[in-house]
PDB file of N, CA and C in Angstrom:
ATOM      1  N   UNK A   1     138.374  99.164 194.118  1.00  0.00           N
ATOM      2  CA  UNK A   1     137.396  98.365 193.433  1.00  0.00           C
ATOM      3  C   UNK A   1     137.596  98.513 191.999  1.00  0.00           C
ATOM      4  N   UNK A   2     137.651  97.374 191.321  1.00  0.00           N
ATOM      5  CA  UNK A   2     137.734  97.495 189.844  1.00  0.00           C
ATOM      6  C   UNK A   2     136.283  97.424 189.115  1.00  0.00           C
ATOM      7  N   UNK A   3     136.382  98.351 188.103  1.00  0.00           N
ATOM      8  CA  UNK A   3     134.987  98.664 187.579  1.00  0.00           C
ATOM      9  C   UNK A   3     134.949  97.840 186.249  1.00  0.00           C
ATOM     10  N   UNK A   4     134.076  97.069 186.039  1.00  0.00           N
ATOM     11  CA  UNK A   4     134.093  96.073 184.809  1.00  0.00           C
ATOM     12  C   UNK A   4     132.927  96.631 184.099  1.00  0.00           C
ATOM     13  N   UNK A   5     133.250  96.458 182.797  1.00  0.00           N
ATOM     14  CA  UNK A   5     132.373  96.914 181.629  1.00  0.00           C
ATOM     15  C   UNK A   5     131.690  95.639 181.070  1.00  0.00           C
ATOM     16  N   UNK A   6     130.186  95.696 181.133  1.00  0.00           N
ATOM     17  CA  UNK A   6     129.604  94.469 180.589  1.00  0.00           C
ATOM     18  C   UNK A   6     129.841  94.039 179.202  1.00  0.00           C
ATOM     19  N   UNK A   7     130.187  92.840 178.841  1.00  0.00           N
ATOM     20  CA  UNK A   7     130.555  92.264 177.404  1.00  0.00           C
ATOM     21  C   UNK A   7     129.485  93.074 176.412  1.00  0.00           C
ATOM     22  N   UNK A   8     129.840  93.369 175.335  1.00  0.00           N
ATOM     23  CA  UNK A   8     129.167  94.124 174.242  1.00  0.00           C
ATOM     24  C   UNK A   8     128.947  95.529 174.385  1.00  0.00           C
ATOM     25  N   UNK A   9     129.174  96.078 175.623  1.00  0.00           N
ATOM     26  CA  UNK A   9     128.987  97.578 175.845  1.00  0.00           C
ATOM     27  C   UNK A   9     130.144  98.312 175.108  1.00  0.00           C
ATOM     28  N   UNK A  10     129.798  99.393 174.596  1.00  0.00           N
ATOM     29  CA  UNK A  10     130.959 100.162 174.073  1.00  0.00           C
ATOM     30  C   UNK A  10     131.279 101.544 174.977  1.00  0.00           C
ATOM     31  N   UNK A  11     132.457 101.861 175.167  1.00  0.00           N
ATOM     32  CA  UNK A  11     132.637 103.105 175.782  1.00  0.00           C
ATOM     33  C   UNK A  11     132.776 104.235 175.057  1.00  0.00           C
ATOM     34  N   UNK A  12     132.489 105.408 175.157  1.00  0.00           N
ATOM     35  CA  UNK A  12     132.534 106.734 174.469  1.00  0.00           C
ATOM     36  C   UNK A  12     133.953 106.870 174.166  1.00  0.00           C
ATOM     37  N   UNK A  13     134.275 107.004 173.075  1.00  0.00           N
ATOM     38  CA  UNK A  13     135.759 107.365 172.536  1.00  0.00           C
ATOM     39  C   UNK A  13     136.073 108.731 172.940  1.00  0.00           C
ATOM     40  N   UNK A  14     137.403 108.955 173.441  1.00  0.00           N
ATOM     41  CA  UNK A  14     137.892 110.299 173.730  1.00  0.00           C
ATOM     42  C   UNK A  14     138.412 111.017 172.403  1.00  0.00           C
ATOM     43  N   UNK A  15     137.934 112.190 172.164  1.00  0.00           N
ATOM     44  CA  UNK A  15     138.384 112.823 170.975  1.00  0.00           C
ATOM     45  C   UNK A  15     139.621 113.726 171.159  1.00  0.00           C
ATOM     46  N   UNK A  16     140.513 113.543 170.441  1.00  0.00           N
ATOM     47  CA  UNK A  16     141.714 114.517 170.395  1.00  0.00           C
ATOM     48  C   UNK A  16     141.857 115.137 169.065  1.00  0.00           C
ATOM     49  N   UNK A  17     141.902 116.521 169.009  1.00  0.00           N
ATOM     50  CA  UNK A  17     141.984 117.110 167.690  1.00  0.00           C
ATOM     51  C   UNK A  17     143.545 117.078 167.402  1.00  0.00           C
ATOM     52  N   UNK A  18     143.903 116.837 166.133  1.00  0.00           N
ATOM     53  CA  UNK A  18     145.160 116.739 165.726  1.00  0.00           C
ATOM     54  C   UNK A  18     145.158 117.570 164.407  1.00  0.00           C
ATOM     55  N   UNK A  19     146.032 118.485 164.323  1.00  0.00           N
ATOM     56  CA  UNK A  19     146.074 119.454 163.349  1.00  0.00           C
ATOM     57  C   UNK A  19     147.147 118.762 162.377  1.00  0.00           C
ATOM     58  N   UNK A  20     146.775 118.433 161.142  1.00  0.00           N
ATOM     59  CA  UNK A  20     147.812 117.941 160.204  1.00  0.00           C
ATOM     60  C   UNK A  20     147.881 118.894 159.087  1.00  0.00           C
ATOM     61  N   UNK A  21     149.265 119.696 159.027  1.00  0.00           N
ATOM     62  CA  UNK A  21     149.253 120.630 157.956  1.00  0.00           C
ATOM     63  C   UNK A  21     149.101 120.102 156.557  1.00  0.00           C
ATOM     64  N   UNK A  22     148.788 121.116 155.640  1.00  0.00           N
ATOM     65  CA  UNK A  22     148.773 120.660 154.334  1.00  0.00           C
ATOM     66  C   UNK A  22     150.166 120.163 153.730  1.00  0.00           C
ATOM     67  N   UNK A  23     150.160 119.160 152.732  1.00  0.00           N
ATOM     68  CA  UNK A  23     151.449 118.862 152.288  1.00  0.00           C
ATOM     69  C   UNK A  23     152.475 119.868 151.561  1.00  0.00           C
ATOM     70  N   UNK A  24     151.867 120.925 151.228  1.00  0.00           N
ATOM     71  CA  UNK A  24     152.590 122.149 150.681  1.00  0.00           C
ATOM     72  C   UNK A  24     153.391 122.766 151.904  1.00  0.00           C
ATOM     73  N   UNK A  25     153.129 122.453 153.102  1.00  0.00           N
ATOM     74  CA  UNK A  25     153.975 122.895 154.131  1.00  0.00           C
ATOM     75  C   UNK A  25     154.739 121.977 154.665  1.00  0.00           C
ATOM     76  N   UNK A  26     154.831 120.774 154.035  1.00  0.00           N
ATOM     77  CA  UNK A  26     155.682 119.829 154.427  1.00  0.00           C
ATOM     78  C   UNK A  26     156.662 119.121 153.448  1.00  0.00           C
ATOM     79  N   UNK A  27     157.186 120.224 152.552  1.00  0.00           N
ATOM     80  CA  UNK A  27     157.846 119.519 151.393  1.00  0.00           C
ATOM     81  C   UNK A  27     159.014 118.505 151.728  1.00  0.00           C
ATOM     82  N   UNK A  28     159.588 118.657 152.796  1.00  0.00           N
ATOM     83  CA  UNK A  28     160.588 117.970 153.189  1.00  0.00           C
ATOM     84  C   UNK A  28     160.197 116.488 153.491  1.00  0.00           C
ATOM     85  N   UNK A  29     158.758 116.292 153.679  1.00  0.00           N
ATOM     86  CA  UNK A  29     158.328 114.910 153.788  1.00  0.00           C
ATOM     87  C   UNK A  29     158.030 114.162 152.455  1.00  0.00           C
ATOM     88  N   UNK A  30     158.059 114.823 151.338  1.00  0.00           N
ATOM     89  CA  UNK A  30     157.433 114.449 150.104  1.00  0.00           C
ATOM     90  C   UNK A  30     158.371 113.315 149.564  1.00  0.00           C
ATOM     91  N   UNK A  31     159.579 113.434 149.452  1.00  0.00           N
ATOM     92  CA  UNK A  31     160.599 112.356 148.957  1.00  0.00           C
ATOM     93  C   UNK A  31     160.430 110.870 149.737  1.00  0.00           C
ATOM     94  N   UNK A  32     160.113 110.891 151.028  1.00  0.00           N
ATOM     95  CA  UNK A  32     159.998 109.626 151.704  1.00  0.00           C
ATOM     96  C   UNK A  32     158.448 108.899 151.421  1.00  0.00           C
ATOM     97  N   UNK A  33     157.623 109.942 151.365  1.00  0.00           N
ATOM     98  CA  UNK A  33     156.294 109.593 150.875  1.00  0.00           C
ATOM     99  C   UNK A  33     156.185 109.093 149.560  1.00  0.00           C
ATOM    100  N   UNK A  34     156.768 109.664 148.574  1.00  0.00           N
ATOM    101  CA  UNK A  34     156.808 109.360 147.132  1.00  0.00           C
ATOM    102  C   UNK A  34     157.595 107.791 146.989  1.00  0.00           C
ATOM    103  N   UNK A  35     158.800 107.767 147.601  1.00  0.00           N
ATOM    104  CA  UNK A  35     159.344 106.506 147.646  1.00  0.00           C
ATOM    105  C   UNK A  35     158.461 105.242 148.065  1.00  0.00           C
ATOM    106  N   UNK A  36     157.847 105.571 149.226  1.00  0.00           N
ATOM    107  CA  UNK A  36     156.986 104.533 149.870  1.00  0.00           C
ATOM    108  C   UNK A  36     155.862 104.266 149.170  1.00  0.00           C
ATOM    109  N   UNK A  37     155.106 105.412 148.587  1.00  0.00           N
ATOM    110  CA  UNK A  37     153.816 105.083 147.632  1.00  0.00           C
ATOM    111  C   UNK A  37     154.225 104.443 146.436  1.00  0.00           C
ATOM    112  N   UNK A  38     155.259 104.892 145.828  1.00  0.00           N
ATOM    113  CA  UNK A  38     155.754 104.350 144.470  1.00  0.00           C
ATOM    114  C   UNK A  38     155.889 102.668 144.762  1.00  0.00           C
ATOM    115  N   UNK A  39     156.587 102.428 145.866  1.00  0.00           N
ATOM    116  CA  UNK A  39     156.925 101.069 145.967  1.00  0.00           C
ATOM    117  C   UNK A  39     155.767 100.392 146.319  1.00  0.00           C
ATOM    118  N   UNK A  40     154.743 100.714 147.307  1.00  0.00           N
ATOM    119  CA  UNK A  40     153.567 100.117 147.630  1.00  0.00           C
ATOM    120  C   UNK A  40     152.595  99.836 146.461  1.00  0.00           C
ATOM    121  N   UNK A  41     152.386 100.811 145.606  1.00  0.00           N
ATOM    122  CA  UNK A  41     151.630 100.573 144.464  1.00  0.00           C
ATOM    123  C   UNK A  41     152.127  99.773 143.251  1.00  0.00           C
ATOM    124  N   UNK A  42     153.438  99.958 142.991  1.00  0.00           N
ATOM    125  CA  UNK A  42     154.235  99.009 142.201  1.00  0.00           C
ATOM    126  C   UNK A  42     153.922  97.517 142.458  1.00  0.00           C
ATOM    127  N   UNK A  43     154.139  97.322 143.899  1.00  0.00           N
ATOM    128  CA  UNK A  43     153.899  95.837 144.232  1.00  0.00           C
ATOM    129  C   UNK A  43     152.301  95.398 143.957  1.00  0.00           C
ATOM    130  N   UNK A  44     151.552  96.398 144.286  1.00  0.00           N
ATOM    131  CA  UNK A  44     150.155  95.981 144.166  1.00  0.00           C
ATOM    132  C   UNK A  44     149.725  95.611 142.744  1.00  0.00           C
ATOM    133  N   UNK A  45     150.224  96.130 141.673  1.00  0.00           N
ATOM    134  CA  UNK A  45     149.964  95.964 140.179  1.00  0.00           C
ATOM    135  C   UNK A  45     151.096  95.118 139.702  1.00  0.00           C
ATOM    136  N   UNK A  46     152.136  94.759 140.502  1.00  0.00           N
ATOM    137  CA  UNK A  46     153.262  93.462 140.100  1.00  0.00           C
ATOM    138  C   UNK A  46     154.258  94.351 138.898  1.00  0.00           C
ATOM    139  N   UNK A  47     154.559  95.568 139.286  1.00  0.00           N
ATOM    140  CA  UNK A  47     155.425  96.222 138.413  1.00  0.00           C
ATOM    141  C   UNK A  47     156.738  96.340 139.257  1.00  0.00           C
ATOM    142  N   UNK A  48     157.679  96.500 138.604  1.00  0.00           N
ATOM    143  CA  UNK A  48     159.124  96.785 139.088  1.00  0.00           C
ATOM    144  C   UNK A  48     159.462  98.304 138.857  1.00  0.00           C
ATOM    145  N   UNK A  49     159.599  99.001 139.754  1.00  0.00           N
ATOM    146  CA  UNK A  49     160.081 100.426 139.543  1.00  0.00           C
ATOM    147  C   UNK A  49     161.285 100.541 140.466  1.00  0.00           C
ATOM    148  N   UNK A  50     162.359 100.930 139.814  1.00  0.00           N
ATOM    149  CA  UNK A  50     163.629 100.932 140.328  1.00  0.00           C
ATOM    150  C   UNK A  50     164.329 102.408 140.667  1.00  0.00           C
ATOM    151  N   UNK A  51     163.643 103.443 139.851  1.00  0.00           N
ATOM    152  CA  UNK A  51     164.145 104.782 140.127  1.00  0.00           C
ATOM    153  C   UNK A  51     162.872 105.658 140.024  1.00  0.00           C
ATOM    154  N   UNK A  52     163.116 106.821 140.589  1.00  0.00           N
ATOM    155  CA  UNK A  52     162.207 108.012 140.461  1.00  0.00           C
ATOM    156  C   UNK A  52     163.031 109.046 139.602  1.00  0.00           C
ATOM    157  N   UNK A  53     162.571 109.519 138.558  1.00  0.00           N
ATOM    158  CA  UNK A  53     163.195 110.670 137.651  1.00  0.00           C
ATOM    159  C   UNK A  53     163.186 111.866 138.559  1.00  0.00           C
ATOM    160  N   UNK A  54     164.639 112.451 138.504  1.00  0.00           N
ATOM    161  CA  UNK A  54     164.861 113.749 139.404  1.00  0.00           C
ATOM    162  C   UNK A  54     163.851 114.770 139.051  1.00  0.00           C
ATOM    163  N   UNK A  55     163.609 115.005 137.948  1.00  0.00           N
ATOM    164  CA  UNK A  55     162.724 116.029 137.481  1.00  0.00           C
ATOM    165  C   UNK A  55     161.208 115.543 138.161  1.00  0.00           C
ATOM    166  N   UNK A  56     160.860 114.593 138.255  1.00  0.00           N
ATOM    167  CA  UNK A  56     159.624 114.038 138.771  1.00  0.00           C
ATOM    168  C   UNK A  56     159.517 114.463 140.386  1.00  0.00           C
ATOM    169  N   UNK A  57     160.739 113.975 141.174  1.00  0.00           N
ATOM    170  CA  UNK A  57     160.755 114.324 142.503  1.00  0.00           C
ATOM    171  C   UNK A  57     160.701 115.876 142.712  1.00  0.00           C
ATOM    172  N   UNK A  58     161.606 116.577 141.845  1.00  0.00           N
ATOM    173  CA  UNK A  58     161.493 118.061 141.993  1.00  0.00           C
ATOM    174  C   UNK A  58     160.122 118.810 141.894  1.00  0.00           C
ATOM    175  N   UNK A  59     159.393 118.117 140.972  1.00  0.00           N
ATOM    176  CA  UNK A  59     157.958 118.688 140.422  1.00  0.00           C
ATOM    177  C   UNK A  59     157.196 118.306 141.758  1.00  0.00           C
ATOM    178  N   UNK A  60     157.192 117.170 142.289  1.00  0.00           N
ATOM    179  CA  UNK A  60     156.302 116.688 143.271  1.00  0.00           C
ATOM    180  C   UNK A  60     156.633 117.543 144.657  1.00  0.00           C
ATOM    181  N   UNK A  61     157.910 118.025 144.714  1.00  0.00           N
ATOM    182  CA  UNK A  61     158.355 118.597 145.916  1.00  0.00           C
ATOM    183  C   UNK A  61     157.809 120.301 145.738  1.00  0.00           C
ATOM    184  N   UNK A  62     157.860 120.816 144.620  1.00  0.00           N
ATOM    185  CA  UNK A  62     157.496 122.276 144.393  1.00  0.00           C
ATOM    186  C   UNK A  62     155.952 122.308 144.080  1.00  0.00           C
ATOM    187  N   UNK A  63     155.381 121.451 143.915  1.00  0.00           N
ATOM    188  CA  UNK A  63     153.845 121.402 143.432  1.00  0.00           C
ATOM    189  C   UNK A  63     153.321 122.063 144.719  1.00  0.00           C
ATOM    190  N   UNK A  64     152.199 122.999 144.562  1.00  0.00           N
ATOM    191  CA  UNK A  64     151.526 123.665 145.597  1.00  0.00           C
ATOM    192  C   UNK A  64     150.309 122.530 146.069  1.00  0.00           C
ATOM    193  N   UNK A  65     150.713 121.518 146.975  1.00  0.00           N
ATOM    194  CA  UNK A  65     149.673 120.698 147.291  1.00  0.00           C
ATOM    195  C   UNK A  65     148.454 121.314 147.941  1.00  0.00           C
ATOM    196  N   UNK A  66     147.297 121.204 147.656  1.00  0.00           N
ATOM    197  CA  UNK A  66     146.188 122.051 148.219  1.00  0.00           C
ATOM    198  C   UNK A  66     145.581 121.198 149.408  1.00  0.00           C
ATOM    199  N   UNK A  67     146.096 119.996 149.475  1.00  0.00           N
ATOM    200  CA  UNK A  67     145.415 119.226 150.619  1.00  0.00           C
ATOM    201  C   UNK A  67     146.584 118.341 151.343  1.00  0.00           C
ATOM    202  N   UNK A  68     146.264 117.330 151.989  1.00  0.00           N
ATOM    203  CA  UNK A  68     147.290 116.370 152.625  1.00  0.00           C
ATOM    204  C   UNK A  68     147.656 115.419 151.670  1.00  0.00           C
ATOM    205  N   UNK A  69     148.098 114.378 152.327  1.00  0.00           N
ATOM    206  CA  UNK A  69     148.624 113.361 151.543  1.00  0.00           C
ATOM    207  C   UNK A  69     147.923 112.550 150.575  1.00  0.00           C
ATOM    208  N   UNK A  70     146.604 112.570 150.877  1.00  0.00           N
ATOM    209  CA  UNK A  70     145.588 111.927 149.808  1.00  0.00           C
ATOM    210  C   UNK A  70     145.867 112.193 148.334  1.00  0.00           C
ATOM    211  N   UNK A  71     145.901 113.544 148.081  1.00  0.00           N
ATOM    212  CA  UNK A  71     146.141 113.952 146.719  1.00  0.00           C
ATOM    213  C   UNK A  71     147.329 113.417 146.236  1.00  0.00           C
ATOM    214  N   UNK A  72     148.444 113.558 146.877  1.00  0.00           N
ATOM    215  CA  UNK A  72     149.784 112.809 146.330  1.00  0.00           C
ATOM    216  C   UNK A  72     149.411 111.286 146.248  1.00  0.00           C
ATOM    217  N   UNK A  73     148.890 110.656 147.057  1.00  0.00           N
ATOM    218  CA  UNK A  73     148.560 109.262 146.908  1.00  0.00           C
ATOM    219  C   UNK A  73     147.970 109.074 145.431  1.00  0.00           C
ATOM    220  N   UNK A  74     146.889 109.595 145.316  1.00  0.00           N
ATOM    221  CA  UNK A  74     146.166 109.511 144.120  1.00  0.00           C
ATOM    222  C   UNK A  74     146.977 109.760 142.832  1.00  0.00           C
ATOM    223  N   UNK A  75     147.753 110.694 142.780  1.00  0.00           N
ATOM    224  CA  UNK A  75     148.659 111.150 141.569  1.00  0.00           C
ATOM    225  C   UNK A  75     149.666 109.977 141.417  1.00  0.00           C
ATOM    226  N   UNK A  76     150.133 109.487 142.665  1.00  0.00           N
ATOM    227  CA  UNK A  76     151.335 108.212 142.379  1.00  0.00           C
ATOM    228  C   UNK A  76     150.464 107.062 142.027  1.00  0.00           C
ATOM    229  N   UNK A  77     149.343 106.724 142.580  1.00  0.00           N
ATOM    230  CA  UNK A  77     148.768 105.408 142.263  1.00  0.00           C
ATOM    231  C   UNK A  77     148.359 105.424 140.803  1.00  0.00           C
ATOM    232  N   UNK A  78     147.909 106.414 140.295  1.00  0.00           N
ATOM    233  CA  UNK A  78     147.529 106.479 138.926  1.00  0.00           C
ATOM    234  C   UNK A  78     148.975 106.325 137.958  1.00  0.00           C
ATOM    235  N   UNK A  79     149.671 107.334 138.410  1.00  0.00           N
ATOM    236  CA  UNK A  79     150.929 107.297 137.514  1.00  0.00           C
ATOM    237  C   UNK A  79     151.639 106.003 137.481  1.00  0.00           C
ATOM    238  N   UNK A  80     151.737 105.182 138.686  1.00  0.00           N
ATOM    239  CA  UNK A  80     152.133 103.934 138.693  1.00  0.00           C
ATOM    240  C   UNK A  80     151.559 102.790 137.875  1.00  0.00           C
ATOM    241  N   UNK A  81     150.163 102.886 137.845  1.00  0.00           N
ATOM    242  CA  UNK A  81     149.537 102.089 136.928  1.00  0.00           C
ATOM    243  C   UNK A  81     149.682 102.097 135.537  1.00  0.00           C
ATOM    244  N   UNK A  82     149.791 103.636 135.136  1.00  0.00           N
ATOM    245  CA  UNK A  82     150.325 103.924 133.803  1.00  0.00           C
ATOM    246  C   UNK A  82     151.581 103.868 133.294  1.00  0.00           C
ATOM    247  N   UNK A  83     152.405 103.833 134.238  1.00  0.00           N
ATOM    248  CA  UNK A  83     153.967 103.752 133.914  1.00  0.00           C
ATOM    249  C   UNK A  83     154.295 102.610 133.199  1.00  0.00           C
ATOM    250  N   UNK A  84     155.466 102.809 132.364  1.00  0.00           N
ATOM    251  CA  UNK A  84     155.967 101.848 131.560  1.00  0.00           C
ATOM    252  C   UNK A  84     157.688 102.000 131.815  1.00  0.00           C
ATOM    253  N   UNK A  85     158.088 100.810 132.122  1.00  0.00           N
ATOM    254  CA  UNK A  85     159.500 100.956 132.422  1.00  0.00           C
ATOM    255  C   UNK A  85     159.734 100.906 133.907  1.00  0.00           C
ATOM    256  N   UNK A  86     160.972 100.966 134.346  1.00  0.00           N
ATOM    257  CA  UNK A  86     161.611 101.139 135.678  1.00  0.00           C
ATOM    258  C   UNK A  86     161.831 102.362 136.372  1.00  0.00           C
ATOM    259  N   UNK A  87     161.617 103.517 135.550  1.00  0.00           N
ATOM    260  CA  UNK A  87     161.715 104.701 136.290  1.00  0.00           C
ATOM    261  C   UNK A  87     160.319 105.410 136.273  1.00  0.00           C
ATOM    262  N   UNK A  88     160.251 105.909 137.345  1.00  0.00           N
ATOM    263  CA  UNK A  88     158.678 106.329 137.656  1.00  0.00           C
ATOM    264  C   UNK A  88     158.805 108.062 137.249  1.00  0.00           C
ATOM    265  N   UNK A  89     158.066 108.342 136.562  1.00  0.00           N
ATOM    266  CA  UNK A  89     157.864 109.584 135.936  1.00  0.00           C
ATOM    267  C   UNK A  89     156.412 110.325 135.999  1.00  0.00           C
ATOM    268  N   UNK A  90     156.470 111.487 136.538  1.00  0.00           N
ATOM    269  CA  UNK A  90     155.034 112.214 136.541  1.00  0.00           C
ATOM    270  C   UNK A  90     155.379 113.301 135.667  1.00  0.00           C
ATOM    271  N   UNK A  91     154.608 113.740 134.540  1.00  0.00           N
ATOM    272  CA  UNK A  91     154.811 114.738 133.671  1.00  0.00           C
ATOM    273  C   UNK A  91     153.816 115.952 134.044  1.00  0.00           C
ATOM    274  N   UNK A  92     154.176 116.985 133.608  1.00  0.00           N
ATOM    275  CA  UNK A  92     153.613 118.213 133.935  1.00  0.00           C
ATOM    276  C   UNK A  92     152.002 118.375 134.046  1.00  0.00           C
ATOM    277  N   UNK A  93     151.277 117.811 133.179  1.00  0.00           N
ATOM    278  CA  UNK A  93     149.780 117.950 133.104  1.00  0.00           C
ATOM    279  C   UNK A  93     149.314 117.418 134.558  1.00  0.00           C
ATOM    280  N   UNK A  94     150.096 116.411 134.912  1.00  0.00           N
ATOM    281  CA  UNK A  94     149.527 115.794 136.078  1.00  0.00           C
ATOM    282  C   UNK A  94     149.659 116.646 137.201  1.00  0.00           C
ATOM    283  N   UNK A  95     150.295 117.532 137.287  1.00  0.00           N
ATOM    284  CA  UNK A  95     150.452 118.602 138.436  1.00  0.00           C
ATOM    285  C   UNK A  95     149.725 119.932 138.086  1.00  0.00           C
ATOM    286  N   UNK A  96     149.061 120.038 137.055  1.00  0.00           N
ATOM    287  CA  UNK A  96     148.390 121.183 136.869  1.00  0.00           C
ATOM    288  C   UNK A  96     146.882 121.040 137.363  1.00  0.00           C
ATOM    289  N   UNK A  97     146.831 121.699 138.413  1.00  0.00           N
ATOM    290  CA  UNK A  97     145.413 121.538 139.072  1.00  0.00           C
ATOM    291  C   UNK A  97     144.216 121.758 138.288  1.00  0.00           C
ATOM    292  N   UNK A  98     143.303 120.765 138.121  1.00  0.00           N
ATOM    293  CA  UNK A  98     142.133 120.719 137.421  1.00  0.00           C
ATOM    294  C   UNK A  98     142.320 120.698 135.840  1.00  0.00           C
ATOM    295  N   UNK A  99     143.692 120.675 135.338  1.00  0.00           N
ATOM    296  CA  UNK A  99     143.968 120.595 134.056  1.00  0.00           C
ATOM    297  C   UNK A  99     143.845 119.054 133.479  1.00  0.00           C
ATOM    298  N   UNK A 100     143.710 119.116 132.196  1.00  0.00           N
ATOM    299  CA  UNK A 100     143.487 117.878 131.578  1.00  0.00           C
ATOM    300  C   UNK A 100     144.610 116.878 131.865  1.00  0.00           C
ATOM    301  N   UNK A 101     144.199 115.546 132.345  1.00  0.00           N
ATOM    302  CA  UNK A 101     145.006 114.669 132.712  1.00  0.00           C
ATOM    303  C   UNK A 101     145.300 114.502 134.169  1.00  0.00           C
ATOM    304  N   UNK A 102     144.802 115.630 134.993  1.00  0.00           N
ATOM    305  CA  UNK A 102     145.199 115.456 136.352  1.00  0.00           C
ATOM    306  C   UNK A 102     144.022 114.712 137.041  1.00  0.00           C
ATOM    307  N   UNK A 103     144.502 113.903 137.936  1.00  0.00           N
ATOM    308  CA  UNK A 103     143.501 112.886 138.555  1.00  0.00           C
ATOM    309  C   UNK A 103     142.347 113.665 139.102  1.00  0.00           C
ATOM    310  N   UNK A 104     142.509 114.806 139.572  1.00  0.00           N
ATOM    311  CA  UNK A 104     141.232 115.511 140.238  1.00  0.00           C
ATOM    312  C   UNK A 104     140.351 116.459 139.329  1.00  0.00           C
ATOM    313  N   UNK A 105     140.801 116.314 137.922  1.00  0.00           N
ATOM    314  CA  UNK A 105     140.300 117.110 136.978  1.00  0.00           C
ATOM    315  C   UNK A 105     138.669 116.741 136.748  1.00  0.00           C
ATOM    316  N   UNK A 106     137.780 117.386 136.304  1.00  0.00           N
ATOM    317  CA  UNK A 106     136.530 117.041 136.131  1.00  0.00           C
ATOM    318  C   UNK A 106     136.539 116.058 134.835  1.00  0.00           C
ATOM    319  N   UNK A 107     135.504 115.269 135.025  1.00  0.00           N
ATOM    320  CA  UNK A 107     135.659 114.286 133.939  1.00  0.00           C
ATOM    321  C   UNK A 107     134.559 114.567 133.041  1.00  0.00           C
ATOM    322  N   UNK A 108     134.817 114.519 131.661  1.00  0.00           N
ATOM    323  CA  UNK A 108     133.725 114.987 130.684  1.00  0.00           C
ATOM    324  C   UNK A 108     133.451 113.687 129.963  1.00  0.00           C
ATOM    325  N   UNK A 109     132.156 113.603 130.163  1.00  0.00           N
ATOM    326  CA  UNK A 109     131.479 112.135 129.554  1.00  0.00           C
ATOM    327  C   UNK A 109     131.567 112.228 127.941  1.00  0.00           C
TER     328      UNK A 109
END
């Protein structure tokens, strides 16, 4: 016998816990994420970024990311918007947690 759900009814969702390790535990994933995010945000703002500076990629891979991909996403989005030229570069202050210039730093009015 087939059980039918009345139109407009909502079935309870099954929850499955998924553990997503912090980005600092997945440094090997960073290059592909950086390439994807730089391309994505560059297209959104109409920029052409053809290269990622080697020092930038090294800095992003060795940074002690406190969270998941969201913080990396924020850093890259902001850096793409502010970038000039065809080479993507993120300098040191961007990766100093809570330091001046860091996207997660407290804002001073």
